């Protein structure tokens, strides 16, 4: 648990004790932030200091697919830079997968690396590997129909332009004309995609 440069190590330890010996902490920022301030080495050191015997699971993705996924997330969160200029926004170390793996392997004894494609193509096998690694039994839920809708194509471009003009956010503190609840446009577009898919 951190607030700026202040790290509340004792509060983190207390939370883990409350959750039990097999607590699962899932947080993308543990490997760094794709944009904005990022100090992934310090984050890894803090995690090691608090949980030195942690078992680390890292899901990797090829750089092209990862960049496009990050761009979609960036626009969803209020970004407005075009894709061709997105490299100016990204933190370069975030895409350096080998350095990320080395960072954790040098600090923790047990690190499991899975490719994102395995989660999509063979989720049962992915879960088997995770269960074996963690020493706990995990099973897929009976209902796996929940879908996290990500905008693409003209909808993503529409949201990008909308963000630039109307949506005030950390990624765009000075839009042309800030209007209240401008972030709701993302939700409206996502619901439209879900409605279209159900009809199809």
N, C-alpha and C. Protein backbone atom coordinates (compact mmCIF):
# COMPACT_ATOMS: atom_id res chain seq x y z
N UNK A 1 0.84 -1.17 0.00
CA UNK A 1 0.00 0.00 0.00
C UNK A 1 0.88 1.23 0.00
N UNK A 2 0.68 2.09 -0.99
CA UNK A 2 1.55 3.24 -1.13
C UNK A 2 0.73 4.47 -1.47
N UNK A 3 1.23 5.61 -1.01
CA UNK A 3 0.64 6.89 -1.36
C UNK A 3 1.79 7.81 -1.74
N UNK A 4 1.96 8.03 -3.05
CA UNK A 4 3.10 8.79 -3.51
C UNK A 4 4.39 8.04 -3.19
N UNK A 5 5.31 8.70 -2.52
CA UNK A 5 6.59 8.09 -2.17
C UNK A 5 6.54 7.37 -0.82
N UNK A 6 5.40 7.42 -0.15
CA UNK A 6 5.27 6.80 1.17
C UNK A 6 4.71 5.40 1.00
N UNK A 7 5.38 4.42 1.55
CA UNK A 7 4.97 3.02 1.45
C UNK A 7 4.58 2.52 2.83
N UNK A 8 3.34 2.07 2.97
CA UNK A 8 2.82 1.61 4.26
C UNK A 8 3.02 0.10 4.36
N UNK A 9 4.26 -0.29 4.61
CA UNK A 9 4.62 -1.70 4.63
C UNK A 9 3.86 -2.46 5.71
N UNK A 10 3.75 -1.88 6.90
CA UNK A 10 3.06 -2.58 8.00
C UNK A 10 1.59 -2.81 7.68
N UNK A 11 0.96 -1.85 7.04
CA UNK A 11 -0.45 -2.01 6.66
C UNK A 11 -0.60 -3.12 5.63
N UNK A 12 0.35 -3.22 4.71
CA UNK A 12 0.34 -4.27 3.70
C UNK A 12 0.49 -5.64 4.37
N UNK A 13 1.43 -5.74 5.29
CA UNK A 13 1.64 -7.01 6.00
C UNK A 13 0.40 -7.41 6.79
N UNK A 14 -0.23 -6.43 7.45
CA UNK A 14 -1.43 -6.71 8.24
C UNK A 14 -2.56 -7.22 7.35
N UNK A 15 -2.71 -6.60 6.16
CA UNK A 15 -3.77 -7.03 5.24
C UNK A 15 -3.54 -8.45 4.77
N UNK A 16 -2.29 -8.80 4.48
CA UNK A 16 -1.98 -10.15 4.03
C UNK A 16 -2.22 -11.17 5.13
N UNK A 17 -1.90 -10.82 6.38
CA UNK A 17 -2.17 -11.74 7.49
C UNK A 17 -3.66 -11.98 7.65
N UNK A 18 -4.45 -10.94 7.44
CA UNK A 18 -5.90 -11.07 7.57
C UNK A 18 -6.49 -11.96 6.48
N UNK A 19 -5.96 -11.85 5.27
CA UNK A 19 -6.47 -12.64 4.16
C UNK A 19 -6.03 -14.09 4.24
N UNK A 20 -4.92 -14.38 4.92
CA UNK A 20 -4.49 -15.77 5.08
C UNK A 20 -3.21 -16.07 4.34
N UNK A 21 -2.68 -17.29 4.55
CA UNK A 21 -1.36 -17.64 4.00
C UNK A 21 -1.32 -17.77 2.48
N UNK A 22 -2.47 -17.96 1.83
CA UNK A 22 -2.49 -18.08 0.37
C UNK A 22 -3.23 -16.90 -0.25
N UNK A 23 -2.87 -15.72 0.18
CA UNK A 23 -3.48 -14.51 -0.37
C UNK A 23 -3.03 -14.32 -1.82
N UNK A 24 -3.94 -13.84 -2.65
CA UNK A 24 -3.63 -13.55 -4.04
C UNK A 24 -3.75 -12.05 -4.25
N UNK A 25 -2.66 -11.44 -4.70
CA UNK A 25 -2.65 -10.01 -4.99
C UNK A 25 -2.48 -9.85 -6.50
N UNK A 26 -3.49 -9.31 -7.15
CA UNK A 26 -3.44 -9.11 -8.59
C UNK A 26 -3.48 -7.61 -8.88
N UNK A 27 -2.38 -7.10 -9.44
CA UNK A 27 -2.28 -5.66 -9.67
C UNK A 27 -1.28 -5.42 -10.79
N UNK A 28 -1.75 -4.91 -11.93
CA UNK A 28 -0.88 -4.73 -13.09
C UNK A 28 0.29 -3.81 -12.80
N UNK A 29 0.11 -2.84 -11.92
CA UNK A 29 1.17 -1.86 -11.67
C UNK A 29 2.37 -2.45 -10.95
N UNK A 30 2.29 -3.70 -10.50
CA UNK A 30 3.44 -4.33 -9.86
C UNK A 30 4.62 -4.47 -10.84
N UNK A 31 4.34 -4.50 -12.12
CA UNK A 31 5.43 -4.57 -13.10
C UNK A 31 5.72 -3.20 -13.71
N UNK A 32 5.13 -2.16 -13.14
CA UNK A 32 5.35 -0.80 -13.64
C UNK A 32 4.08 -0.23 -14.24
N UNK A 33 4.12 1.04 -14.55
CA UNK A 33 2.98 1.72 -15.15
C UNK A 33 3.26 1.98 -16.63
N UNK A 34 2.29 1.75 -17.50
CA UNK A 34 2.53 1.96 -18.93
C UNK A 34 2.73 3.42 -19.30
N UNK A 35 2.15 4.33 -18.52
CA UNK A 35 2.36 5.77 -18.75
C UNK A 35 2.33 6.48 -17.41
N UNK A 36 2.79 7.71 -17.39
CA UNK A 36 2.88 8.44 -16.14
C UNK A 36 4.10 8.00 -15.34
N UNK A 37 4.14 8.40 -14.07
CA UNK A 37 5.29 8.06 -13.22
C UNK A 37 5.34 6.56 -12.99
N UNK A 38 6.52 5.99 -13.11
CA UNK A 38 6.69 4.55 -12.92
C UNK A 38 8.06 4.28 -12.34
N UNK A 39 8.11 3.46 -11.29
CA UNK A 39 9.38 3.05 -10.68
C UNK A 39 9.29 1.55 -10.40
N UNK A 40 9.35 0.72 -11.45
CA UNK A 40 9.13 -0.72 -11.28
C UNK A 40 10.17 -1.40 -10.41
N UNK A 41 11.41 -0.90 -10.40
CA UNK A 41 12.44 -1.52 -9.57
C UNK A 41 12.11 -1.30 -8.09
N UNK A 42 11.71 -0.10 -7.75
CA UNK A 42 11.34 0.17 -6.36
C UNK A 42 10.13 -0.66 -5.95
N UNK A 43 9.18 -0.80 -6.85
CA UNK A 43 7.98 -1.58 -6.54
C UNK A 43 8.35 -3.04 -6.26
N UNK A 44 9.21 -3.62 -7.10
CA UNK A 44 9.64 -5.00 -6.90
C UNK A 44 10.39 -5.16 -5.58
N UNK A 45 11.23 -4.18 -5.25
CA UNK A 45 11.97 -4.22 -3.98
C UNK A 45 11.03 -4.17 -2.79
N UNK A 46 10.02 -3.33 -2.87
CA UNK A 46 9.06 -3.22 -1.78
C UNK A 46 8.30 -4.53 -1.59
N UNK A 47 7.91 -5.14 -2.69
CA UNK A 47 7.19 -6.40 -2.60
C UNK A 47 8.07 -7.47 -1.98
N UNK A 48 9.32 -7.52 -2.37
CA UNK A 48 10.25 -8.50 -1.81
C UNK A 48 10.44 -8.26 -0.30
N UNK A 49 10.55 -7.00 0.10
CA UNK A 49 10.77 -6.70 1.51
C UNK A 49 9.59 -7.11 2.37
N UNK A 50 8.38 -6.98 1.83
CA UNK A 50 7.18 -7.31 2.60
C UNK A 50 6.85 -8.79 2.52
N UNK A 51 6.99 -9.38 1.32
CA UNK A 51 6.66 -10.80 1.14
C UNK A 51 7.82 -11.48 0.43
N UNK A 52 8.92 -11.75 1.13
CA UNK A 52 10.10 -12.30 0.47
C UNK A 52 9.89 -13.69 -0.11
N UNK A 53 8.91 -14.44 0.40
CA UNK A 53 8.66 -15.79 -0.09
C UNK A 53 7.45 -15.84 -1.03
N UNK A 54 7.08 -14.70 -1.60
CA UNK A 54 5.93 -14.65 -2.52
C UNK A 54 6.19 -15.51 -3.75
N UNK A 55 5.12 -16.08 -4.28
CA UNK A 55 5.17 -16.80 -5.54
C UNK A 55 4.59 -15.87 -6.61
N UNK A 56 5.36 -15.63 -7.65
CA UNK A 56 5.02 -14.60 -8.62
C UNK A 56 4.51 -15.24 -9.92
N UNK A 57 3.34 -14.79 -10.37
CA UNK A 57 2.79 -15.19 -11.66
C UNK A 57 2.79 -13.98 -12.58
N UNK A 58 3.46 -14.10 -13.72
CA UNK A 58 3.50 -13.02 -14.70
C UNK A 58 2.93 -13.53 -16.02
N UNK A 59 1.95 -12.81 -16.55
CA UNK A 59 1.36 -13.14 -17.84
C UNK A 59 1.97 -12.20 -18.88
N UNK A 60 2.59 -12.77 -19.91
CA UNK A 60 3.25 -11.96 -20.94
C UNK A 60 2.39 -11.93 -22.21
N UNK A 61 2.77 -11.01 -23.08
CA UNK A 61 2.04 -10.84 -24.34
C UNK A 61 3.01 -10.29 -25.37
N UNK A 62 2.83 -10.64 -26.64
CA UNK A 62 3.76 -10.12 -27.63
C UNK A 62 3.57 -8.61 -27.76
N UNK A 63 4.65 -7.94 -28.15
CA UNK A 63 4.69 -6.48 -28.08
C UNK A 63 3.62 -5.81 -28.93
N UNK A 64 3.32 -6.35 -30.10
CA UNK A 64 2.33 -5.73 -30.97
C UNK A 64 0.95 -5.78 -30.33
N UNK A 65 0.55 -6.98 -29.88
CA UNK A 65 -0.76 -7.13 -29.24
C UNK A 65 -0.83 -6.32 -27.95
N UNK A 66 0.27 -6.31 -27.18
CA UNK A 66 0.29 -5.56 -25.93
C UNK A 66 0.13 -4.07 -26.18
N UNK A 67 0.82 -3.55 -27.19
CA UNK A 67 0.75 -2.11 -27.48
C UNK A 67 -0.66 -1.71 -27.88
N UNK A 68 -1.30 -2.53 -28.70
CA UNK A 68 -2.66 -2.20 -29.13
C UNK A 68 -3.64 -2.29 -27.95
N UNK A 69 -3.44 -3.27 -27.08
CA UNK A 69 -4.29 -3.39 -25.90
C UNK A 69 -4.10 -2.20 -24.97
N UNK A 70 -2.84 -1.79 -24.79
CA UNK A 70 -2.56 -0.64 -23.94
C UNK A 70 -3.14 0.64 -24.52
N UNK A 71 -3.11 0.75 -25.84
CA UNK A 71 -3.66 1.95 -26.46
C UNK A 71 -5.16 2.03 -26.22
N UNK A 72 -5.83 0.90 -26.35
CA UNK A 72 -7.27 0.87 -26.08
C UNK A 72 -7.55 1.28 -24.63
N UNK A 73 -6.76 0.75 -23.70
CA UNK A 73 -6.92 1.10 -22.30
C UNK A 73 -6.66 2.59 -22.07
N UNK A 74 -5.64 3.10 -22.75
CA UNK A 74 -5.28 4.52 -22.65
C UNK A 74 -6.45 5.41 -23.06
N UNK A 75 -7.06 5.10 -24.18
CA UNK A 75 -8.20 5.90 -24.65
C UNK A 75 -9.39 5.73 -23.71
N UNK A 76 -9.62 4.51 -23.23
CA UNK A 76 -10.71 4.27 -22.29
C UNK A 76 -10.57 5.14 -21.05
N UNK A 77 -9.32 5.38 -20.63
CA UNK A 77 -9.09 6.14 -19.41
C UNK A 77 -9.03 7.65 -19.64
N UNK A 78 -9.24 8.07 -20.88
CA UNK A 78 -9.31 9.50 -21.16
C UNK A 78 -8.24 10.04 -22.06
N UNK A 79 -7.35 9.19 -22.58
CA UNK A 79 -6.28 9.65 -23.45
C UNK A 79 -6.78 10.08 -24.81
N UNK A 80 -6.00 10.90 -25.48
CA UNK A 80 -6.45 11.43 -26.77
C UNK A 80 -5.37 11.40 -27.86
N UNK A 81 -4.14 11.02 -27.53
CA UNK A 81 -3.07 10.97 -28.52
C UNK A 81 -3.38 9.88 -29.55
N UNK A 82 -3.09 10.12 -30.81
CA UNK A 82 -3.31 9.13 -31.85
C UNK A 82 -2.36 7.95 -31.69
N UNK A 83 -2.75 6.81 -32.26
CA UNK A 83 -1.96 5.59 -32.10
C UNK A 83 -0.53 5.77 -32.61
N UNK A 84 -0.37 6.46 -33.74
CA UNK A 84 0.97 6.64 -34.31
C UNK A 84 1.91 7.41 -33.39
N UNK A 85 1.35 8.18 -32.47
CA UNK A 85 2.16 8.97 -31.53
C UNK A 85 2.15 8.37 -30.13
N UNK A 86 1.57 7.19 -29.99
CA UNK A 86 1.41 6.58 -28.67
C UNK A 86 2.75 6.23 -28.02
N UNK A 87 3.77 5.97 -28.86
CA UNK A 87 5.08 5.65 -28.32
C UNK A 87 5.67 6.76 -27.47
N UNK A 88 5.23 8.02 -27.70
CA UNK A 88 5.71 9.14 -26.92
C UNK A 88 5.10 9.16 -25.52
N UNK A 89 4.00 8.44 -25.36
CA UNK A 89 3.29 8.39 -24.08
C UNK A 89 3.76 7.19 -23.25
N UNK A 90 4.05 6.08 -23.91
CA UNK A 90 4.41 4.85 -23.22
C UNK A 90 5.75 4.94 -22.51
N UNK A 91 5.84 4.33 -21.34
CA UNK A 91 7.12 4.14 -20.68
C UNK A 91 7.81 2.96 -21.35
N UNK A 92 9.00 3.20 -21.86
CA UNK A 92 9.69 2.18 -22.66
C UNK A 92 9.94 0.90 -21.86
N UNK A 93 10.24 1.03 -20.55
CA UNK A 93 10.57 -0.16 -19.77
C UNK A 93 9.37 -1.08 -19.59
N UNK A 94 8.17 -0.54 -19.78
CA UNK A 94 6.97 -1.36 -19.61
C UNK A 94 6.89 -2.45 -20.69
N UNK A 95 7.41 -2.16 -21.87
CA UNK A 95 7.40 -3.11 -22.97
C UNK A 95 8.61 -4.04 -22.97
N UNK A 96 9.54 -3.80 -22.06
CA UNK A 96 10.75 -4.62 -21.98
C UNK A 96 10.47 -5.84 -21.10
N UNK A 97 9.87 -6.86 -21.71
CA UNK A 97 9.42 -8.03 -20.95
C UNK A 97 10.59 -8.77 -20.31
N UNK A 98 11.69 -8.90 -21.02
CA UNK A 98 12.84 -9.63 -20.48
C UNK A 98 13.38 -8.97 -19.21
N UNK A 99 13.43 -7.65 -19.20
CA UNK A 99 13.90 -6.95 -18.01
C UNK A 99 12.92 -7.15 -16.85
N UNK A 100 11.63 -7.18 -17.16
CA UNK A 100 10.63 -7.41 -16.12
C UNK A 100 10.81 -8.79 -15.50
N UNK A 101 10.99 -9.81 -16.35
CA UNK A 101 11.17 -11.17 -15.85
C UNK A 101 12.44 -11.27 -15.00
N UNK A 102 13.53 -10.67 -15.47
CA UNK A 102 14.78 -10.71 -14.73
C UNK A 102 14.64 -10.01 -13.38
N UNK A 103 13.89 -8.92 -13.37
CA UNK A 103 13.70 -8.16 -12.14
C UNK A 103 13.07 -9.04 -11.05
N UNK A 104 12.07 -9.83 -11.43
CA UNK A 104 11.38 -10.66 -10.44
C UNK A 104 12.14 -11.96 -10.16
N UNK A 105 12.76 -12.52 -11.17
CA UNK A 105 13.52 -13.76 -10.95
C UNK A 105 14.73 -13.53 -10.06
N UNK A 106 15.27 -12.33 -10.06
CA UNK A 106 16.42 -12.04 -9.21
C UNK A 106 16.02 -11.75 -7.77
N UNK A 107 14.73 -11.57 -7.54
CA UNK A 107 14.27 -11.23 -6.19
C UNK A 107 13.43 -12.32 -5.54
N UNK A 108 12.87 -13.21 -6.35
CA UNK A 108 11.99 -14.25 -5.81
C UNK A 108 12.40 -15.62 -6.36
N UNK A 109 12.26 -16.63 -5.51
CA UNK A 109 12.68 -17.98 -5.90
C UNK A 109 11.70 -18.62 -6.88
N UNK A 110 10.43 -18.31 -6.72
CA UNK A 110 9.41 -18.98 -7.54
C UNK A 110 8.68 -17.97 -8.42
N UNK A 111 8.90 -18.09 -9.73
CA UNK A 111 8.26 -17.20 -10.69
C UNK A 111 7.72 -18.05 -11.83
N UNK A 112 6.42 -17.95 -12.08
CA UNK A 112 5.78 -18.67 -13.19
C UNK A 112 5.41 -17.66 -14.27
N UNK A 113 5.78 -17.97 -15.51
CA UNK A 113 5.48 -17.09 -16.64
C UNK A 113 4.53 -17.81 -17.59
N UNK A 114 3.42 -17.19 -17.90
CA UNK A 114 2.45 -17.75 -18.84
C UNK A 114 2.23 -16.76 -19.97
N UNK A 115 2.03 -17.29 -21.17
CA UNK A 115 1.70 -16.44 -22.31
C UNK A 115 0.19 -16.18 -22.30
N UNK A 116 -0.16 -14.95 -22.60
CA UNK A 116 -1.57 -14.56 -22.61
C UNK A 116 -2.42 -15.44 -23.52
N UNK A 117 -1.84 -15.89 -24.63
CA UNK A 117 -2.59 -16.70 -25.59
C UNK A 117 -3.08 -18.00 -24.96
N UNK A 118 -2.34 -18.55 -23.99
CA UNK A 118 -2.76 -19.79 -23.33
C UNK A 118 -4.04 -19.57 -22.54
N UNK A 119 -4.19 -18.41 -21.93
CA UNK A 119 -5.41 -18.11 -21.18
C UNK A 119 -6.63 -18.08 -22.09
N UNK A 120 -6.42 -17.67 -23.33
CA UNK A 120 -7.53 -17.57 -24.28
C UNK A 120 -7.81 -18.91 -24.95
N UNK A 121 -6.75 -19.58 -25.41
CA UNK A 121 -6.91 -20.79 -26.21
C UNK A 121 -7.14 -22.05 -25.36
N UNK A 122 -6.56 -22.09 -24.19
CA UNK A 122 -6.69 -23.29 -23.35
C UNK A 122 -6.71 -22.89 -21.88
N UNK A 123 -7.81 -22.27 -21.44
CA UNK A 123 -7.87 -21.81 -20.05
C UNK A 123 -7.76 -22.93 -19.02
N UNK A 124 -8.23 -24.13 -19.38
CA UNK A 124 -8.10 -25.25 -18.44
C UNK A 124 -6.63 -25.57 -18.18
N UNK A 125 -5.81 -25.58 -19.25
CA UNK A 125 -4.39 -25.87 -19.08
C UNK A 125 -3.70 -24.74 -18.31
N UNK A 126 -4.08 -23.52 -18.58
CA UNK A 126 -3.49 -22.40 -17.85
C UNK A 126 -3.80 -22.52 -16.36
N UNK A 127 -5.04 -22.86 -16.05
CA UNK A 127 -5.43 -23.00 -14.64
C UNK A 127 -4.72 -24.18 -13.99
N UNK A 128 -4.51 -25.26 -14.76
CA UNK A 128 -3.79 -26.42 -14.22
C UNK A 128 -2.37 -26.03 -13.83
N UNK A 129 -1.71 -25.27 -14.69
CA UNK A 129 -0.33 -24.85 -14.40
C UNK A 129 -0.27 -23.94 -13.18
N UNK A 130 -1.24 -23.03 -13.09
CA UNK A 130 -1.27 -22.12 -11.94
C UNK A 130 -1.53 -22.90 -10.66
N UNK A 131 -2.47 -23.84 -10.71
CA UNK A 131 -2.79 -24.65 -9.53
C UNK A 131 -1.58 -25.44 -9.07
N UNK A 132 -0.88 -26.05 -10.02
CA UNK A 132 0.31 -26.84 -9.70
C UNK A 132 1.40 -25.95 -9.11
N UNK A 133 1.57 -24.79 -9.66
CA UNK A 133 2.60 -23.87 -9.20
C UNK A 133 2.31 -23.37 -7.78
N UNK A 134 1.05 -23.00 -7.54
CA UNK A 134 0.68 -22.40 -6.25
C UNK A 134 0.36 -23.44 -5.18
N UNK A 135 0.17 -24.70 -5.59
CA UNK A 135 -0.15 -25.73 -4.61
C UNK A 135 -1.55 -25.63 -4.06
N UNK A 136 -2.45 -25.10 -4.87
CA UNK A 136 -3.85 -25.00 -4.48
C UNK A 136 -4.71 -25.44 -5.66
N UNK A 137 -5.94 -25.87 -5.37
CA UNK A 137 -6.82 -26.32 -6.44
C UNK A 137 -7.68 -25.16 -6.91
N UNK A 138 -7.61 -24.90 -8.20
CA UNK A 138 -8.43 -23.85 -8.82
C UNK A 138 -9.26 -24.49 -9.93
N UNK A 139 -10.47 -24.01 -10.09
CA UNK A 139 -11.33 -24.54 -11.17
C UNK A 139 -12.04 -23.38 -11.84
N UNK A 140 -12.37 -23.58 -13.10
CA UNK A 140 -13.08 -22.55 -13.85
C UNK A 140 -14.51 -22.44 -13.36
N UNK A 141 -15.06 -21.25 -13.28
CA UNK A 141 -16.46 -21.10 -12.87
C UNK A 141 -17.38 -21.70 -13.93
N UNK A 142 -18.56 -22.21 -13.51
CA UNK A 142 -19.46 -22.82 -14.49
C UNK A 142 -19.96 -21.84 -15.55
N UNK A 143 -20.12 -20.59 -15.15
CA UNK A 143 -20.60 -19.58 -16.10
C UNK A 143 -19.46 -18.63 -16.43
N UNK A 144 -18.92 -18.74 -17.65
CA UNK A 144 -17.79 -17.90 -18.05
C UNK A 144 -18.17 -16.97 -19.19
N UNK A 145 -19.41 -16.55 -19.25
CA UNK A 145 -19.88 -15.77 -20.38
C UNK A 145 -19.64 -14.28 -20.23
N UNK A 146 -19.15 -13.85 -19.05
CA UNK A 146 -18.87 -12.43 -18.88
C UNK A 146 -17.79 -11.99 -19.88
N UNK A 147 -18.05 -10.90 -20.54
CA UNK A 147 -17.12 -10.41 -21.55
C UNK A 147 -16.76 -8.96 -21.26
N UNK A 148 -15.47 -8.69 -21.19
CA UNK A 148 -14.99 -7.33 -20.99
C UNK A 148 -14.89 -6.67 -22.36
N UNK A 149 -15.84 -5.81 -22.68
CA UNK A 149 -15.91 -5.22 -24.02
C UNK A 149 -14.87 -4.13 -24.17
N UNK A 150 -14.05 -4.27 -25.19
CA UNK A 150 -13.05 -3.26 -25.50
C UNK A 150 -13.41 -2.62 -26.84
N UNK A 151 -13.39 -1.31 -26.88
CA UNK A 151 -13.75 -0.62 -28.11
C UNK A 151 -12.59 -0.68 -29.10
N UNK A 152 -12.92 -0.71 -30.38
CA UNK A 152 -11.90 -0.64 -31.42
C UNK A 152 -12.50 0.03 -32.64
N UNK A 153 -11.68 0.16 -33.67
CA UNK A 153 -12.18 0.74 -34.91
C UNK A 153 -12.69 2.17 -34.73
N UNK A 154 -13.78 2.46 -35.42
CA UNK A 154 -14.30 3.83 -35.41
C UNK A 154 -14.80 4.25 -34.04
N UNK A 155 -15.26 3.29 -33.23
CA UNK A 155 -15.74 3.64 -31.89
C UNK A 155 -14.60 4.13 -31.00
N UNK A 156 -13.46 3.46 -31.09
CA UNK A 156 -12.30 3.89 -30.31
C UNK A 156 -11.82 5.26 -30.79
N UNK A 157 -11.84 5.48 -32.10
CA UNK A 157 -11.43 6.77 -32.65
C UNK A 157 -12.40 7.87 -32.23
N UNK A 158 -13.70 7.54 -32.22
CA UNK A 158 -14.70 8.52 -31.76
C UNK A 158 -14.45 8.90 -30.31
N UNK A 159 -14.17 7.89 -29.46
CA UNK A 159 -13.92 8.16 -28.05
C UNK A 159 -12.65 8.99 -27.88
N UNK A 160 -11.62 8.70 -28.66
CA UNK A 160 -10.38 9.48 -28.59
C UNK A 160 -10.64 10.95 -28.88
N UNK A 161 -11.37 11.23 -29.93
CA UNK A 161 -11.66 12.62 -30.29
C UNK A 161 -12.55 13.28 -29.24
N UNK A 162 -13.51 12.52 -28.73
CA UNK A 162 -14.39 13.03 -27.67
C UNK A 162 -13.55 13.41 -26.45
N UNK A 163 -12.62 12.53 -26.08
CA UNK A 163 -11.76 12.81 -24.92
C UNK A 163 -11.00 14.11 -25.11
N UNK A 164 -10.44 14.29 -26.29
CA UNK A 164 -9.61 15.48 -26.55
C UNK A 164 -10.41 16.76 -26.41
N UNK A 165 -11.66 16.72 -26.82
CA UNK A 165 -12.48 17.93 -26.81
C UNK A 165 -13.17 18.16 -25.48
N UNK A 166 -13.73 17.08 -24.88
CA UNK A 166 -14.64 17.28 -23.75
C UNK A 166 -14.22 16.67 -22.41
N UNK A 167 -13.38 15.63 -22.42
CA UNK A 167 -13.19 14.86 -21.18
C UNK A 167 -11.94 15.28 -20.41
N UNK A 168 -12.13 15.82 -19.23
CA UNK A 168 -11.02 16.16 -18.35
C UNK A 168 -10.61 14.94 -17.54
N UNK A 169 -9.32 14.61 -17.56
CA UNK A 169 -8.83 13.44 -16.85
C UNK A 169 -7.35 13.64 -16.54
N UNK A 170 -6.76 12.69 -15.82
CA UNK A 170 -5.33 12.77 -15.56
C UNK A 170 -4.53 12.74 -16.86
N UNK A 171 -5.06 12.04 -17.86
CA UNK A 171 -4.38 11.95 -19.14
C UNK A 171 -4.65 13.15 -20.03
N UNK A 172 -5.65 13.92 -19.70
CA UNK A 172 -5.99 15.11 -20.48
C UNK A 172 -6.53 16.19 -19.53
N UNK A 173 -5.65 16.85 -18.78
CA UNK A 173 -6.12 17.82 -17.79
C UNK A 173 -6.72 19.09 -18.39
N UNK A 174 -6.49 19.34 -19.68
CA UNK A 174 -6.98 20.57 -20.29
C UNK A 174 -7.68 20.30 -21.62
N UNK A 175 -8.89 19.72 -21.59
CA UNK A 175 -9.63 19.53 -22.85
C UNK A 175 -10.05 20.88 -23.42
N UNK A 176 -10.53 20.85 -24.63
CA UNK A 176 -10.96 22.11 -25.23
C UNK A 176 -12.11 22.73 -24.44
N UNK A 177 -13.13 21.90 -24.15
CA UNK A 177 -14.29 22.35 -23.39
C UNK A 177 -14.65 21.24 -22.41
N UNK A 178 -14.33 21.40 -21.16
CA UNK A 178 -14.62 20.36 -20.18
C UNK A 178 -16.11 20.36 -19.85
N UNK A 179 -16.73 19.18 -19.96
CA UNK A 179 -18.14 19.07 -19.61
C UNK A 179 -18.31 17.97 -18.56
N UNK A 180 -19.30 18.11 -17.67
CA UNK A 180 -19.51 17.11 -16.62
C UNK A 180 -19.88 15.75 -17.23
N UNK A 181 -19.44 14.70 -16.59
CA UNK A 181 -19.80 13.32 -16.96
C UNK A 181 -19.40 12.97 -18.40
N UNK A 182 -18.36 13.62 -18.90
CA UNK A 182 -17.91 13.30 -20.26
C UNK A 182 -17.41 11.86 -20.36
N UNK A 183 -16.96 11.30 -19.24
CA UNK A 183 -16.48 9.92 -19.23
C UNK A 183 -17.56 8.91 -19.49
N UNK A 184 -18.83 9.32 -19.39
CA UNK A 184 -19.94 8.39 -19.62
C UNK A 184 -20.01 7.96 -21.08
N UNK A 185 -19.38 8.70 -21.99
CA UNK A 185 -19.41 8.33 -23.40
C UNK A 185 -18.82 6.94 -23.60
N UNK A 186 -17.76 6.62 -22.87
CA UNK A 186 -17.16 5.29 -22.98
C UNK A 186 -18.18 4.21 -22.66
N UNK A 187 -18.92 4.39 -21.57
CA UNK A 187 -19.92 3.40 -21.16
C UNK A 187 -21.01 3.25 -22.20
N UNK A 188 -21.45 4.36 -22.76
CA UNK A 188 -22.50 4.32 -23.78
C UNK A 188 -22.03 3.54 -25.01
N UNK A 189 -20.81 3.78 -25.44
CA UNK A 189 -20.29 3.07 -26.61
C UNK A 189 -20.13 1.59 -26.32
N UNK A 190 -19.66 1.24 -25.12
CA UNK A 190 -19.49 -0.17 -24.77
C UNK A 190 -20.85 -0.88 -24.72
N UNK A 191 -21.85 -0.22 -24.17
CA UNK A 191 -23.18 -0.84 -24.11
C UNK A 191 -23.74 -1.05 -25.50
N UNK A 192 -23.45 -0.13 -26.41
CA UNK A 192 -23.91 -0.28 -27.78
C UNK A 192 -23.28 -1.50 -28.44
N UNK A 193 -21.98 -1.71 -28.16
CA UNK A 193 -21.30 -2.89 -28.70
C UNK A 193 -21.92 -4.16 -28.14
N UNK A 194 -22.18 -4.19 -26.83
CA UNK A 194 -22.78 -5.37 -26.21
C UNK A 194 -24.17 -5.64 -26.81
N UNK A 195 -24.95 -4.60 -27.01
CA UNK A 195 -26.30 -4.75 -27.57
C UNK A 195 -26.22 -5.30 -28.98
N UNK A 196 -25.29 -4.79 -29.77
CA UNK A 196 -25.12 -5.25 -31.15
C UNK A 196 -24.73 -6.71 -31.19
N UNK A 197 -23.82 -7.14 -30.29
CA UNK A 197 -23.38 -8.54 -30.27
C UNK A 197 -24.51 -9.47 -29.84
N UNK A 198 -25.34 -9.04 -28.92
CA UNK A 198 -26.46 -9.89 -28.49
C UNK A 198 -27.45 -10.09 -29.64
N UNK A 199 -27.69 -9.04 -30.42
CA UNK A 199 -28.62 -9.15 -31.54
C UNK A 199 -28.06 -10.05 -32.62
N UNK A 200 -26.72 -10.03 -32.75
CA UNK A 200 -26.10 -10.85 -33.78
C UNK A 200 -26.16 -12.32 -33.38
